[in-house]
N, C-alpha and C. Protein backbone atom coordinates (compact mmCIF):
# COMPACT_ATOMS: atom_id res chain seq x y z
N UNK A 1 -101.47 11.19 -55.48
CA UNK A 1 -101.47 11.72 -56.88
C UNK A 1 -101.03 10.31 -57.74
N UNK A 2 -101.69 10.44 -58.80
CA UNK A 2 -101.25 9.24 -59.87
C UNK A 2 -101.09 10.06 -60.97
N UNK A 3 -99.97 10.02 -61.81
CA UNK A 3 -99.81 10.44 -63.26
C UNK A 3 -99.38 9.29 -64.33
N UNK A 4 -100.25 9.49 -65.13
CA UNK A 4 -100.24 8.44 -66.23
C UNK A 4 -99.64 9.04 -67.59
N UNK A 5 -98.57 8.39 -68.14
CA UNK A 5 -98.08 8.98 -69.49
C UNK A 5 -99.00 8.12 -70.46
N UNK A 6 -99.47 9.09 -71.29
CA UNK A 6 -100.32 8.51 -72.49
C UNK A 6 -99.91 8.94 -73.84
N UNK A 7 -98.72 8.92 -74.12
CA UNK A 7 -98.00 9.20 -75.55
C UNK A 7 -97.61 10.70 -75.57
N UNK A 8 -96.38 10.62 -76.05
CA UNK A 8 -95.65 11.99 -76.40
C UNK A 8 -95.84 12.89 -75.16
N UNK A 9 -96.63 13.90 -75.35
CA UNK A 9 -96.67 14.97 -74.48
C UNK A 9 -97.90 15.06 -73.36
N UNK A 10 -98.80 13.92 -73.85
CA UNK A 10 -100.08 13.91 -73.02
C UNK A 10 -99.78 13.10 -71.62
N UNK A 11 -100.38 13.59 -70.58
CA UNK A 11 -100.38 13.07 -69.27
C UNK A 11 -101.78 13.10 -68.69
N UNK A 12 -102.16 12.15 -67.96
CA UNK A 12 -103.43 12.26 -67.23
C UNK A 12 -102.94 12.01 -65.74
N UNK A 13 -103.58 13.15 -64.87
CA UNK A 13 -103.27 13.39 -63.53
C UNK A 13 -104.53 13.28 -62.75
N UNK A 14 -104.39 12.37 -61.59
CA UNK A 14 -105.56 12.00 -60.69
C UNK A 14 -105.33 12.56 -59.41
N UNK A 15 -106.10 13.22 -58.83
CA UNK A 15 -105.76 13.73 -57.59
C UNK A 15 -107.13 13.78 -56.55
N UNK A 16 -107.36 12.97 -55.54
CA UNK A 16 -108.52 13.06 -54.77
C UNK A 16 -109.87 12.98 -55.54
N UNK A 17 -109.83 12.13 -56.59
CA UNK A 17 -111.03 11.74 -57.50
C UNK A 17 -111.23 12.75 -58.51
N UNK A 18 -110.16 13.87 -58.62
CA UNK A 18 -110.43 14.58 -60.06
C UNK A 18 -109.31 14.22 -61.04
N UNK A 19 -109.59 14.34 -62.18
CA UNK A 19 -108.90 13.95 -63.21
C UNK A 19 -108.64 14.98 -64.33
N UNK A 20 -107.50 15.52 -64.62
CA UNK A 20 -106.97 16.43 -65.46
C UNK A 20 -106.03 15.71 -66.49
N UNK A 21 -106.30 16.16 -67.86
CA UNK A 21 -105.55 15.66 -68.95
C UNK A 21 -104.98 16.70 -69.78
N UNK A 22 -103.54 16.58 -69.81
CA UNK A 22 -102.90 17.68 -70.44
C UNK A 22 -102.40 17.23 -71.99
N UNK A 23 -102.62 18.03 -72.75
CA UNK A 23 -102.07 17.96 -74.25
C UNK A 23 -102.12 16.61 -74.98
N UNK A 24 -103.64 16.20 -75.12
CA UNK A 24 -103.90 14.83 -75.83
C UNK A 24 -103.77 15.30 -77.40
N UNK A 25 -102.70 14.69 -78.08
CA UNK A 25 -102.59 14.99 -79.54
C UNK A 25 -102.62 13.77 -80.44
N UNK A 26 -101.98 13.97 -81.52
CA UNK A 26 -101.95 12.95 -82.54
C UNK A 26 -101.27 11.68 -82.00
N UNK A 27 -100.37 11.85 -81.35
CA UNK A 27 -99.59 10.65 -80.68
C UNK A 27 -100.16 9.91 -79.44
N UNK A 28 -101.35 10.47 -78.97
CA UNK A 28 -101.89 10.21 -77.87
C UNK A 28 -102.81 8.76 -78.02
N UNK A 29 -102.80 7.99 -77.04
CA UNK A 29 -103.71 6.85 -76.94
C UNK A 29 -104.86 6.93 -77.15
N UNK A 30 -106.05 6.35 -77.58
CA UNK A 30 -107.33 6.44 -77.53
C UNK A 30 -107.89 6.31 -76.04
N UNK A 31 -108.90 7.01 -75.82
CA UNK A 31 -109.40 6.88 -74.40
C UNK A 31 -108.75 7.69 -73.28
N UNK A 32 -107.71 8.48 -73.83
CA UNK A 32 -106.98 9.45 -72.71
C UNK A 32 -107.68 10.19 -71.89
N UNK A 33 -108.88 10.84 -72.36
CA UNK A 33 -109.56 11.64 -71.80
C UNK A 33 -110.79 11.14 -71.21
N UNK A 34 -110.85 9.73 -71.19
CA UNK A 34 -112.03 9.08 -70.55
C UNK A 34 -112.13 9.42 -68.95
N UNK A 35 -113.15 9.99 -68.69
CA UNK A 35 -113.34 10.51 -67.17
C UNK A 35 -112.74 11.61 -66.83
N UNK A 36 -112.37 12.34 -67.85
CA UNK A 36 -111.51 13.64 -67.45
C UNK A 36 -112.44 14.61 -66.85
N UNK A 37 -112.10 15.50 -65.96
CA UNK A 37 -112.88 16.43 -65.31
C UNK A 37 -112.68 17.91 -66.02
N UNK A 38 -111.28 17.84 -66.65
CA UNK A 38 -110.82 19.15 -67.46
C UNK A 38 -109.85 18.61 -68.43
N UNK A 39 -109.60 19.42 -69.45
CA UNK A 39 -108.37 19.22 -70.32
C UNK A 39 -107.66 20.42 -70.40
N UNK A 40 -106.43 20.39 -70.52
CA UNK A 40 -105.44 21.70 -70.62
C UNK A 40 -104.67 21.53 -72.00
N UNK A 41 -104.72 22.44 -72.62
CA UNK A 41 -103.66 22.38 -73.77
C UNK A 41 -102.80 23.58 -73.86
N UNK A 42 -101.60 23.19 -73.99
CA UNK A 42 -100.50 24.30 -73.95
C UNK A 42 -100.40 24.96 -75.31
N UNK A 43 -100.63 24.48 -76.56
CA UNK A 43 -100.38 25.03 -77.68
C UNK A 43 -101.07 24.43 -78.82
N UNK A 44 -100.99 24.97 -79.94
CA UNK A 44 -101.81 24.62 -81.14
C UNK A 44 -101.30 23.46 -82.19
N UNK A 45 -100.01 23.04 -81.81
CA UNK A 45 -99.61 21.89 -82.70
C UNK A 45 -100.22 20.66 -82.54
N UNK A 46 -100.39 19.77 -83.72
CA UNK A 46 -101.13 18.70 -83.56
C UNK A 46 -100.69 17.58 -82.52
N UNK A 47 -99.37 17.51 -82.39
CA UNK A 47 -98.83 16.51 -81.30
C UNK A 47 -99.28 17.01 -79.97
N UNK A 48 -99.80 18.05 -79.65
CA UNK A 48 -100.44 18.62 -78.36
C UNK A 48 -101.76 18.74 -78.29
N UNK A 49 -102.47 18.88 -79.44
CA UNK A 49 -103.94 19.16 -79.46
C UNK A 49 -104.45 18.69 -80.74
N UNK A 50 -105.45 17.74 -80.54
CA UNK A 50 -106.26 17.14 -81.58
C UNK A 50 -107.85 17.38 -81.26
N UNK A 51 -108.72 17.89 -82.16
CA UNK A 51 -110.13 18.05 -81.56
C UNK A 51 -110.85 16.66 -81.36
N UNK A 52 -110.42 15.57 -82.03
CA UNK A 52 -111.03 14.27 -81.82
C UNK A 52 -110.98 13.99 -80.33
N UNK A 53 -109.81 14.36 -79.70
CA UNK A 53 -109.97 13.93 -78.20
C UNK A 53 -110.72 14.76 -77.43
N UNK A 54 -110.82 15.95 -77.65
CA UNK A 54 -111.84 16.75 -77.01
C UNK A 54 -113.28 16.54 -77.17
N UNK A 55 -113.42 15.91 -78.47
CA UNK A 55 -114.99 15.36 -78.88
C UNK A 55 -115.23 14.28 -78.05
N UNK A 56 -114.28 13.42 -77.59
CA UNK A 56 -114.42 12.33 -76.72
C UNK A 56 -114.86 12.52 -75.33
N UNK A 57 -114.81 13.59 -74.94
CA UNK A 57 -115.29 13.95 -73.67
C UNK A 57 -116.24 15.34 -73.56
N UNK A 58 -116.92 15.43 -72.44
CA UNK A 58 -117.79 16.57 -72.13
C UNK A 58 -116.74 17.67 -71.27
N UNK A 59 -115.71 17.19 -71.05
CA UNK A 59 -115.14 18.24 -69.87
C UNK A 59 -114.64 19.61 -70.36
N UNK A 60 -114.61 20.58 -69.55
CA UNK A 60 -114.20 21.67 -70.07
C UNK A 60 -112.76 21.84 -70.54
N UNK A 61 -112.47 22.74 -71.53
CA UNK A 61 -111.06 22.93 -72.04
C UNK A 61 -110.66 24.25 -71.52
N UNK A 62 -109.36 24.30 -70.91
CA UNK A 62 -108.64 25.49 -70.84
C UNK A 62 -107.30 25.52 -71.60
N UNK A 63 -107.13 26.66 -72.10
CA UNK A 63 -106.12 26.92 -73.08
C UNK A 63 -105.86 28.30 -73.39
N UNK A 64 -104.92 28.53 -74.28
CA UNK A 64 -104.58 30.02 -74.64
C UNK A 64 -105.27 30.44 -75.63
N UNK A 65 -105.20 31.75 -75.99
CA UNK A 65 -106.16 32.49 -77.06
C UNK A 65 -105.93 32.02 -78.36
N UNK A 66 -104.44 31.52 -78.68
CA UNK A 66 -104.23 31.00 -80.16
C UNK A 66 -105.08 29.82 -80.35
N UNK A 67 -105.03 28.84 -79.26
CA UNK A 67 -105.72 27.47 -79.59
C UNK A 67 -107.22 27.75 -79.79
N UNK A 68 -107.87 28.79 -78.78
CA UNK A 68 -109.17 29.06 -78.80
C UNK A 68 -109.61 29.29 -80.08
N UNK A 69 -108.83 30.34 -80.91
CA UNK A 69 -109.02 30.82 -82.06
C UNK A 69 -109.03 29.77 -83.14
N UNK A 70 -108.22 28.80 -82.99
CA UNK A 70 -108.26 27.54 -83.95
C UNK A 70 -109.44 26.66 -83.72
N UNK A 71 -109.81 26.45 -82.49
CA UNK A 71 -110.91 25.68 -82.25
C UNK A 71 -112.15 26.36 -82.87
N UNK A 72 -112.26 27.79 -82.62
CA UNK A 72 -113.55 28.33 -83.18
C UNK A 72 -113.56 28.15 -84.62
N UNK A 73 -112.46 28.31 -85.48
CA UNK A 73 -112.30 28.29 -86.76
C UNK A 73 -112.56 26.62 -87.28
N UNK A 74 -111.66 25.78 -86.61
CA UNK A 74 -111.79 24.54 -87.19
C UNK A 74 -112.63 23.47 -86.41
N UNK A 75 -113.02 23.80 -85.33
CA UNK A 75 -114.02 22.75 -84.42
C UNK A 75 -114.77 23.52 -83.60
N UNK A 76 -115.61 24.50 -84.43
CA UNK A 76 -116.60 25.22 -83.67
C UNK A 76 -117.46 24.60 -82.72
N UNK A 77 -117.76 23.12 -82.92
CA UNK A 77 -118.53 22.50 -81.94
C UNK A 77 -118.02 22.47 -80.46
N UNK A 78 -116.72 22.53 -80.53
CA UNK A 78 -115.90 22.74 -79.01
C UNK A 78 -115.95 24.12 -78.39
N UNK A 79 -116.19 25.05 -79.23
CA UNK A 79 -115.88 26.22 -78.67
C UNK A 79 -116.45 26.62 -77.45
N UNK A 80 -117.75 26.30 -77.09
CA UNK A 80 -118.57 26.79 -75.96
C UNK A 80 -117.95 26.28 -74.67
N UNK A 81 -117.03 24.99 -74.74
CA UNK A 81 -116.57 24.62 -73.60
C UNK A 81 -115.23 25.06 -73.32
N UNK A 82 -114.57 25.99 -74.00
CA UNK A 82 -113.11 26.56 -73.99
C UNK A 82 -113.11 27.78 -73.10
N UNK A 83 -112.29 27.76 -72.28
CA UNK A 83 -111.80 28.85 -71.31
C UNK A 83 -110.43 29.30 -71.67
N UNK A 84 -110.14 30.68 -71.97
CA UNK A 84 -108.96 31.09 -72.48
C UNK A 84 -108.37 31.67 -71.14
N UNK A 85 -107.02 31.08 -71.05
CA UNK A 85 -106.26 31.60 -69.97
C UNK A 85 -104.81 32.29 -70.48
N UNK A 86 -104.39 33.21 -69.68
CA UNK A 86 -103.18 33.99 -70.15
C UNK A 86 -101.86 33.76 -69.13
N UNK A 87 -100.69 34.35 -69.68
CA UNK A 87 -99.58 34.19 -68.91
C UNK A 87 -99.85 34.82 -67.43
N UNK A 88 -99.35 34.02 -66.53
CA UNK A 88 -99.36 34.31 -65.15
C UNK A 88 -100.87 34.17 -64.48
N UNK A 89 -101.82 33.98 -65.27
CA UNK A 89 -103.05 33.70 -64.75
C UNK A 89 -103.46 32.40 -63.78
N UNK A 90 -103.92 32.75 -62.73
CA UNK A 90 -104.29 31.65 -61.76
C UNK A 90 -105.60 31.01 -61.94
N UNK A 91 -105.87 29.78 -62.20
CA UNK A 91 -107.33 29.21 -62.40
C UNK A 91 -107.49 27.92 -61.79
N UNK A 92 -108.62 27.37 -61.90
CA UNK A 92 -108.53 26.13 -60.96
C UNK A 92 -109.50 25.17 -61.73
N UNK A 93 -109.28 24.57 -62.58
CA UNK A 93 -109.95 23.61 -63.37
C UNK A 93 -110.34 22.44 -62.62
N UNK A 94 -111.62 22.27 -62.54
CA UNK A 94 -112.24 21.04 -61.54
C UNK A 94 -111.72 21.31 -60.25
N UNK A 95 -111.36 22.54 -59.62
CA UNK A 95 -110.88 22.76 -58.38
C UNK A 95 -109.47 22.59 -58.15
N UNK A 96 -108.54 22.18 -59.23
CA UNK A 96 -107.20 21.93 -58.85
C UNK A 96 -106.55 23.39 -59.39
N UNK A 97 -105.68 23.85 -58.29
CA UNK A 97 -105.10 25.23 -58.54
C UNK A 97 -104.01 25.04 -59.85
N UNK A 98 -104.08 25.97 -60.81
CA UNK A 98 -103.04 25.88 -61.84
C UNK A 98 -102.65 27.38 -62.20
N UNK A 99 -101.31 27.50 -62.29
CA UNK A 99 -100.90 28.73 -62.90
C UNK A 99 -100.37 28.60 -64.33
N UNK A 100 -100.70 29.49 -65.37
CA UNK A 100 -100.19 29.45 -66.61
C UNK A 100 -98.90 30.22 -66.65
N UNK A 101 -97.86 29.53 -67.30
CA UNK A 101 -96.46 30.03 -67.17
C UNK A 101 -95.93 30.32 -68.61
N UNK A 102 -95.55 31.37 -68.87
CA UNK A 102 -94.86 31.76 -70.21
C UNK A 102 -96.03 32.02 -71.24
N UNK A 103 -95.34 32.51 -72.41
CA UNK A 103 -96.27 33.04 -73.48
C UNK A 103 -95.84 32.57 -75.02
N UNK A 104 -94.46 32.03 -74.97
CA UNK A 104 -94.15 31.69 -76.32
C UNK A 104 -93.57 30.13 -76.51
N UNK A 105 -93.75 29.59 -77.61
CA UNK A 105 -93.16 28.42 -78.06
C UNK A 105 -91.60 28.49 -78.06
N UNK A 106 -90.90 27.60 -78.00
CA UNK A 106 -89.38 27.65 -78.36
C UNK A 106 -88.99 27.95 -79.92
N UNK A 107 -87.93 28.58 -80.09
CA UNK A 107 -87.56 29.05 -81.42
C UNK A 107 -87.48 27.55 -82.07
N UNK A 108 -88.09 27.57 -83.10
CA UNK A 108 -87.96 26.19 -84.06
C UNK A 108 -86.75 26.53 -85.12
N UNK A 109 -86.97 27.80 -85.61
CA UNK A 109 -85.95 28.16 -86.83
C UNK A 109 -85.96 29.67 -86.76
N UNK A 110 -84.84 30.52 -86.81
CA UNK A 110 -84.96 31.92 -86.65
C UNK A 110 -86.07 32.64 -87.85
N UNK A 111 -86.08 32.02 -88.69
CA UNK A 111 -87.02 32.43 -89.91
C UNK A 111 -88.43 31.85 -89.86
N UNK A 112 -88.68 31.21 -88.77
CA UNK A 112 -90.06 30.90 -88.69
C UNK A 112 -90.60 31.77 -87.43
N UNK A 113 -92.05 32.16 -87.73
CA UNK A 113 -92.45 33.06 -86.43
C UNK A 113 -92.82 32.00 -85.20
N UNK A 114 -92.60 32.61 -84.04
CA UNK A 114 -92.66 31.77 -83.09
C UNK A 114 -94.27 31.67 -82.49
N UNK A 115 -94.68 30.57 -82.22
CA UNK A 115 -96.17 30.37 -81.96
C UNK A 115 -96.39 30.58 -80.38
N UNK A 116 -97.43 30.83 -79.96
CA UNK A 116 -97.86 31.01 -78.54
C UNK A 116 -97.73 29.71 -77.80
N UNK A 117 -97.46 29.65 -76.45
CA UNK A 117 -97.28 28.43 -75.76
C UNK A 117 -97.50 28.88 -74.21
N UNK A 118 -98.23 27.96 -73.39
CA UNK A 118 -98.23 28.29 -72.14
C UNK A 118 -97.89 26.91 -71.34
N UNK A 119 -97.06 26.97 -70.41
CA UNK A 119 -96.94 25.91 -69.52
C UNK A 119 -98.05 26.03 -68.52
N UNK A 120 -98.06 24.89 -67.62
CA UNK A 120 -99.10 24.86 -66.68
C UNK A 120 -98.48 24.27 -65.39
N UNK A 121 -98.41 25.19 -64.21
CA UNK A 121 -98.03 24.61 -63.10
C UNK A 121 -99.37 24.08 -62.33
N UNK A 122 -99.25 22.92 -61.89
CA UNK A 122 -100.50 22.28 -61.10
C UNK A 122 -100.10 22.02 -59.60
N UNK A 123 -100.86 22.32 -58.69
CA UNK A 123 -100.65 22.16 -57.35
C UNK A 123 -101.81 20.97 -56.90
N UNK A 124 -101.25 19.85 -56.60
CA UNK A 124 -102.11 18.67 -56.22
C UNK A 124 -101.74 18.39 -54.78
N UNK A 125 -102.64 18.95 -53.70
CA UNK A 125 -102.08 18.72 -52.27
C UNK A 125 -100.89 19.41 -52.06
N UNK A 126 -99.95 18.68 -51.65
CA UNK A 126 -98.57 18.98 -51.37
C UNK A 126 -97.40 19.03 -52.44
N UNK A 127 -98.12 18.38 -53.73
CA UNK A 127 -97.28 18.12 -54.86
C UNK A 127 -97.33 19.08 -55.91
N UNK A 128 -96.43 19.75 -56.45
CA UNK A 128 -96.47 20.43 -57.67
C UNK A 128 -95.91 19.85 -58.88
N UNK A 129 -96.67 19.80 -59.96
CA UNK A 129 -96.31 19.37 -61.27
C UNK A 129 -96.36 20.41 -62.28
N UNK A 130 -95.31 20.51 -63.15
CA UNK A 130 -95.19 21.41 -64.17
C UNK A 130 -94.92 20.90 -65.51
N UNK A 131 -95.89 21.08 -66.52
CA UNK A 131 -95.87 20.68 -67.86
C UNK A 131 -95.36 22.03 -68.69
N UNK A 132 -94.39 22.11 -69.33
CA UNK A 132 -93.94 23.49 -70.10
C UNK A 132 -94.59 23.49 -71.32
N UNK A 133 -95.12 22.46 -71.99
CA UNK A 133 -95.49 22.55 -73.30
C UNK A 133 -94.12 22.37 -74.25
N UNK A 134 -94.25 23.36 -75.35
CA UNK A 134 -93.06 23.35 -76.12
C UNK A 134 -92.42 24.54 -75.83
N UNK A 135 -91.67 24.63 -74.75
CA UNK A 135 -90.87 25.82 -74.13
C UNK A 135 -90.03 25.38 -73.31
N UNK A 136 -89.07 26.23 -73.13
CA UNK A 136 -88.02 26.07 -71.98
C UNK A 136 -87.79 27.05 -70.99
N UNK A 137 -89.14 27.37 -70.78
CA UNK A 137 -89.46 28.60 -69.50
C UNK A 137 -89.80 28.00 -68.31
N UNK A 138 -89.00 28.19 -67.36
CA UNK A 138 -89.28 27.59 -66.25
C UNK A 138 -90.47 28.31 -65.36
N UNK A 139 -90.82 27.55 -64.16
CA UNK A 139 -92.00 28.33 -63.47
C UNK A 139 -91.56 29.46 -62.71
N UNK A 140 -90.13 29.47 -62.25
CA UNK A 140 -89.74 30.50 -61.39
C UNK A 140 -89.95 30.23 -59.90
N UNK A 141 -90.13 29.01 -59.49
CA UNK A 141 -90.28 28.46 -58.31
C UNK A 141 -90.20 27.21 -57.97
N UNK A 142 -90.13 26.41 -56.81
CA UNK A 142 -89.56 25.21 -56.67
C UNK A 142 -90.82 24.14 -57.18
N UNK A 143 -90.66 23.06 -58.00
CA UNK A 143 -91.42 22.19 -58.38
C UNK A 143 -91.05 20.88 -57.99
N UNK A 144 -92.15 19.75 -57.49
CA UNK A 144 -91.78 18.71 -57.19
C UNK A 144 -91.58 17.77 -58.35
N UNK A 145 -92.30 17.89 -59.43
CA UNK A 145 -92.30 16.94 -60.69
C UNK A 145 -92.26 17.98 -61.98
N UNK A 146 -91.19 17.53 -62.71
CA UNK A 146 -91.12 18.18 -64.02
C UNK A 146 -91.39 17.33 -65.26
N UNK A 147 -92.22 17.56 -65.74
CA UNK A 147 -92.58 16.92 -67.12
C UNK A 147 -91.44 17.63 -68.30
N UNK A 148 -90.50 16.66 -68.43
CA UNK A 148 -89.32 17.39 -69.15
C UNK A 148 -89.29 16.75 -70.74
N UNK A 149 -89.39 17.84 -71.47
CA UNK A 149 -89.30 17.46 -72.97
C UNK A 149 -87.66 16.83 -73.18
N UNK A 150 -87.59 15.77 -73.90
CA UNK A 150 -86.49 15.12 -74.16
C UNK A 150 -85.91 15.09 -75.69
N UNK A 151 -86.91 15.13 -76.53
CA UNK A 151 -86.41 15.38 -77.78
C UNK A 151 -87.43 16.18 -78.92
N UNK A 152 -87.06 16.98 -79.51
CA UNK A 152 -87.77 17.97 -80.18
C UNK A 152 -87.00 18.57 -81.46
N UNK A 153 -87.76 18.91 -82.69
CA UNK A 153 -86.93 19.87 -83.75
C UNK A 153 -86.46 21.17 -83.21
N UNK A 154 -87.06 21.56 -82.11
CA UNK A 154 -86.72 22.84 -81.57
C UNK A 154 -85.71 22.83 -80.35
N UNK A 155 -85.24 21.69 -80.08
CA UNK A 155 -84.24 21.46 -78.88
C UNK A 155 -83.21 20.58 -79.18
N UNK A 156 -81.97 20.84 -78.49
CA UNK A 156 -81.01 19.91 -78.50
C UNK A 156 -80.99 19.11 -77.00
N UNK A 157 -80.55 17.88 -77.07
CA UNK A 157 -80.37 17.22 -75.59
C UNK A 157 -79.86 18.13 -74.59
N UNK A 158 -78.69 18.77 -74.80
CA UNK A 158 -78.09 19.44 -74.16
C UNK A 158 -79.08 20.74 -73.45
N UNK A 159 -79.81 21.21 -74.06
CA UNK A 159 -80.78 22.29 -73.58
C UNK A 159 -81.63 21.68 -72.90
N UNK A 160 -82.29 20.47 -73.16
CA UNK A 160 -83.32 19.84 -72.35
C UNK A 160 -82.67 19.55 -71.04
N UNK A 161 -81.45 18.89 -71.05
CA UNK A 161 -80.74 18.55 -69.69
C UNK A 161 -80.64 19.90 -68.85
N UNK A 162 -80.22 21.02 -69.45
CA UNK A 162 -79.92 22.40 -68.89
C UNK A 162 -81.20 23.03 -68.12
N UNK A 163 -82.20 22.75 -69.03
CA UNK A 163 -83.54 23.14 -68.50
C UNK A 163 -84.02 22.37 -67.20
N UNK A 164 -83.94 21.25 -67.38
CA UNK A 164 -84.34 20.38 -66.08
C UNK A 164 -83.53 20.64 -65.08
N UNK A 165 -82.12 20.88 -65.23
CA UNK A 165 -81.27 21.15 -64.04
C UNK A 165 -81.69 22.55 -63.62
N UNK A 166 -82.22 23.40 -64.54
CA UNK A 166 -82.30 24.79 -63.84
C UNK A 166 -83.66 24.80 -62.99
N UNK A 167 -84.85 24.09 -63.28
CA UNK A 167 -86.06 23.78 -62.75
C UNK A 167 -85.69 23.04 -61.41
N UNK A 168 -84.89 22.23 -61.50
CA UNK A 168 -84.22 21.40 -60.14
C UNK A 168 -85.36 20.52 -59.43
N UNK A 169 -86.38 20.11 -60.13
CA UNK A 169 -87.24 19.15 -59.51
C UNK A 169 -86.73 17.94 -59.21
N UNK A 170 -87.00 17.41 -58.01
CA UNK A 170 -86.50 16.10 -57.56
C UNK A 170 -86.76 14.92 -58.38
N UNK A 171 -88.01 14.99 -59.22
CA UNK A 171 -88.52 14.11 -60.06
C UNK A 171 -88.60 14.56 -61.40
N UNK A 172 -88.13 13.83 -62.36
CA UNK A 172 -88.19 14.46 -63.72
C UNK A 172 -88.88 13.31 -64.60
N UNK A 173 -89.94 13.52 -65.34
CA UNK A 173 -90.72 12.52 -66.10
C UNK A 173 -90.55 12.89 -67.61
N UNK A 174 -89.99 12.06 -68.37
CA UNK A 174 -89.75 12.57 -69.91
C UNK A 174 -91.29 12.61 -70.44
N UNK A 175 -91.38 13.88 -71.27
CA UNK A 175 -92.34 13.87 -72.34
C UNK A 175 -91.74 14.31 -73.61
N UNK A 176 -92.53 14.60 -74.65
CA UNK A 176 -92.20 14.96 -75.99
C UNK A 176 -91.04 13.88 -76.39
N UNK A 177 -91.40 12.42 -76.34
CA UNK A 177 -90.47 11.83 -76.77
C UNK A 177 -90.70 10.64 -77.87
N UNK A 178 -91.62 11.23 -78.84
CA UNK A 178 -91.97 10.36 -80.06
C UNK A 178 -91.24 10.84 -81.36
N UNK A 179 -90.28 11.79 -81.19
CA UNK A 179 -89.66 12.36 -82.27
C UNK A 179 -88.32 11.32 -82.71
N UNK A 180 -87.63 10.90 -81.70
CA UNK A 180 -86.41 10.14 -82.08
C UNK A 180 -86.92 8.55 -82.13
N UNK A 181 -86.21 7.97 -82.75
CA UNK A 181 -86.15 6.43 -82.82
C UNK A 181 -85.67 5.83 -81.45
N UNK A 182 -86.10 4.57 -81.14
CA UNK A 182 -85.83 3.89 -79.92
C UNK A 182 -84.19 4.17 -79.72
N UNK A 183 -83.54 3.93 -80.67
CA UNK A 183 -82.11 4.15 -80.46
C UNK A 183 -81.58 5.46 -80.00
N UNK A 184 -82.26 6.41 -80.85
CA UNK A 184 -81.89 7.92 -80.31
C UNK A 184 -82.56 8.14 -78.87
N UNK A 185 -83.57 7.77 -78.49
CA UNK A 185 -84.10 7.90 -77.02
C UNK A 185 -83.36 7.20 -76.08
N UNK A 186 -82.64 5.92 -76.41
CA UNK A 186 -81.81 5.29 -75.46
C UNK A 186 -80.49 6.29 -75.17
N UNK A 187 -79.98 6.85 -76.26
CA UNK A 187 -78.88 7.91 -76.05
C UNK A 187 -79.39 9.08 -75.25
N UNK A 188 -80.49 9.50 -75.52
CA UNK A 188 -81.06 10.77 -74.83
C UNK A 188 -81.15 10.28 -73.38
N UNK A 189 -81.87 9.25 -73.12
CA UNK A 189 -82.17 8.51 -71.71
C UNK A 189 -80.94 8.62 -70.83
N UNK A 190 -79.82 8.07 -71.73
CA UNK A 190 -78.64 7.91 -70.81
C UNK A 190 -78.14 9.33 -70.46
N UNK A 191 -78.15 10.24 -71.52
CA UNK A 191 -77.56 11.55 -70.93
C UNK A 191 -78.36 12.34 -69.87
N UNK A 192 -79.69 12.25 -69.95
CA UNK A 192 -80.54 12.85 -69.09
C UNK A 192 -80.26 12.14 -67.64
N UNK A 193 -80.34 10.79 -67.70
CA UNK A 193 -80.15 10.01 -66.41
C UNK A 193 -78.82 10.52 -65.75
N UNK A 194 -77.68 10.47 -66.69
CA UNK A 194 -76.31 10.78 -66.25
C UNK A 194 -76.23 12.09 -65.47
N UNK A 195 -76.63 13.06 -66.21
CA UNK A 195 -76.53 14.57 -65.81
C UNK A 195 -77.29 14.85 -64.55
N UNK A 196 -78.61 14.45 -64.87
CA UNK A 196 -79.56 14.79 -63.61
C UNK A 196 -79.23 13.91 -62.49
N UNK A 197 -78.90 12.60 -62.80
CA UNK A 197 -78.45 11.96 -61.41
C UNK A 197 -77.38 12.54 -60.71
N UNK A 198 -76.31 13.22 -61.43
CA UNK A 198 -75.06 13.72 -61.00
C UNK A 198 -75.64 14.90 -59.99
N UNK A 199 -76.74 15.77 -60.57
CA UNK A 199 -77.26 16.69 -59.64
C UNK A 199 -78.27 16.22 -58.54
N UNK A 200 -78.39 15.00 -58.37
CA UNK A 200 -79.32 14.59 -57.44
C UNK A 200 -80.57 14.52 -57.60
N UNK A 201 -81.02 14.42 -58.92
CA UNK A 201 -82.23 14.54 -59.46
C UNK A 201 -82.89 13.22 -60.15
N UNK A 202 -84.14 12.85 -59.90
CA UNK A 202 -84.35 11.63 -60.45
C UNK A 202 -85.03 11.76 -61.86
N UNK A 203 -84.60 10.93 -62.83
CA UNK A 203 -85.14 10.76 -64.05
C UNK A 203 -85.67 9.67 -64.67
N UNK A 204 -87.05 9.47 -65.26
CA UNK A 204 -87.49 8.42 -65.75
C UNK A 204 -88.38 8.66 -66.82
N UNK A 205 -88.35 7.78 -67.87
CA UNK A 205 -89.02 7.77 -69.04
C UNK A 205 -90.34 6.60 -69.04
N UNK A 206 -91.30 6.96 -68.79
CA UNK A 206 -92.57 5.94 -68.66
C UNK A 206 -92.87 5.57 -70.10
N UNK A 207 -93.21 4.33 -70.30
CA UNK A 207 -93.69 3.77 -71.55
C UNK A 207 -95.26 4.37 -71.47
N UNK A 208 -96.05 4.17 -72.76
CA UNK A 208 -97.37 4.73 -72.73
C UNK A 208 -98.28 3.86 -71.94
N UNK A 209 -98.97 4.50 -71.09
CA UNK A 209 -100.03 3.89 -70.27
C UNK A 209 -99.33 3.53 -68.97
N UNK A 210 -98.38 3.72 -68.55
CA UNK A 210 -97.59 3.45 -67.43
C UNK A 210 -97.75 4.69 -66.40
N UNK A 211 -97.88 4.53 -65.09
CA UNK A 211 -98.11 5.27 -63.98
C UNK A 211 -96.77 5.42 -63.20
N UNK A 212 -97.10 6.78 -62.63
CA UNK A 212 -96.06 7.15 -61.64
C UNK A 212 -96.70 7.41 -60.22
């Protein structure tokens, strides 16, 4: 398996010649979907979904009903390629087993409505990878690699650390990292590395375009 960080919450995963791209949004590098066999979108926020990335590929798109509705309204040219998935559903984009996890975005503010959100648990041979989107909802089973949010308007660093520890993945790769300055990310990385390391878990934040 090859995992490439492509800006903020977008990752490209290659396994046995198959390429899945998750959450290409406004902070995602151009070309992220080149060669993609399928694209997965966790929710409708523009840092996770941008129609121009979907227009740059002919790959099928798998996402939740709320995103599909937005696509039908604002990007109808993409609608015929969209498959809607729901919480707990098992599906296989390009033959890769995936389970949709959770239904709601994390609370941004109590006075704001909660958006829909689905994380995705991917099984790539003997390795499982979990992308939670904008939620702190765990997959409820062991995971080899957690794509761990590190900074967000809806999350304290302490909450992100506790979420990663609760999932307990041996390897944690930082995502959702375009919100803080470099100085702030340095502080967050220090805390994640310290607390996850003490729990025997690896933590890394990859620069854009870097592979794992």
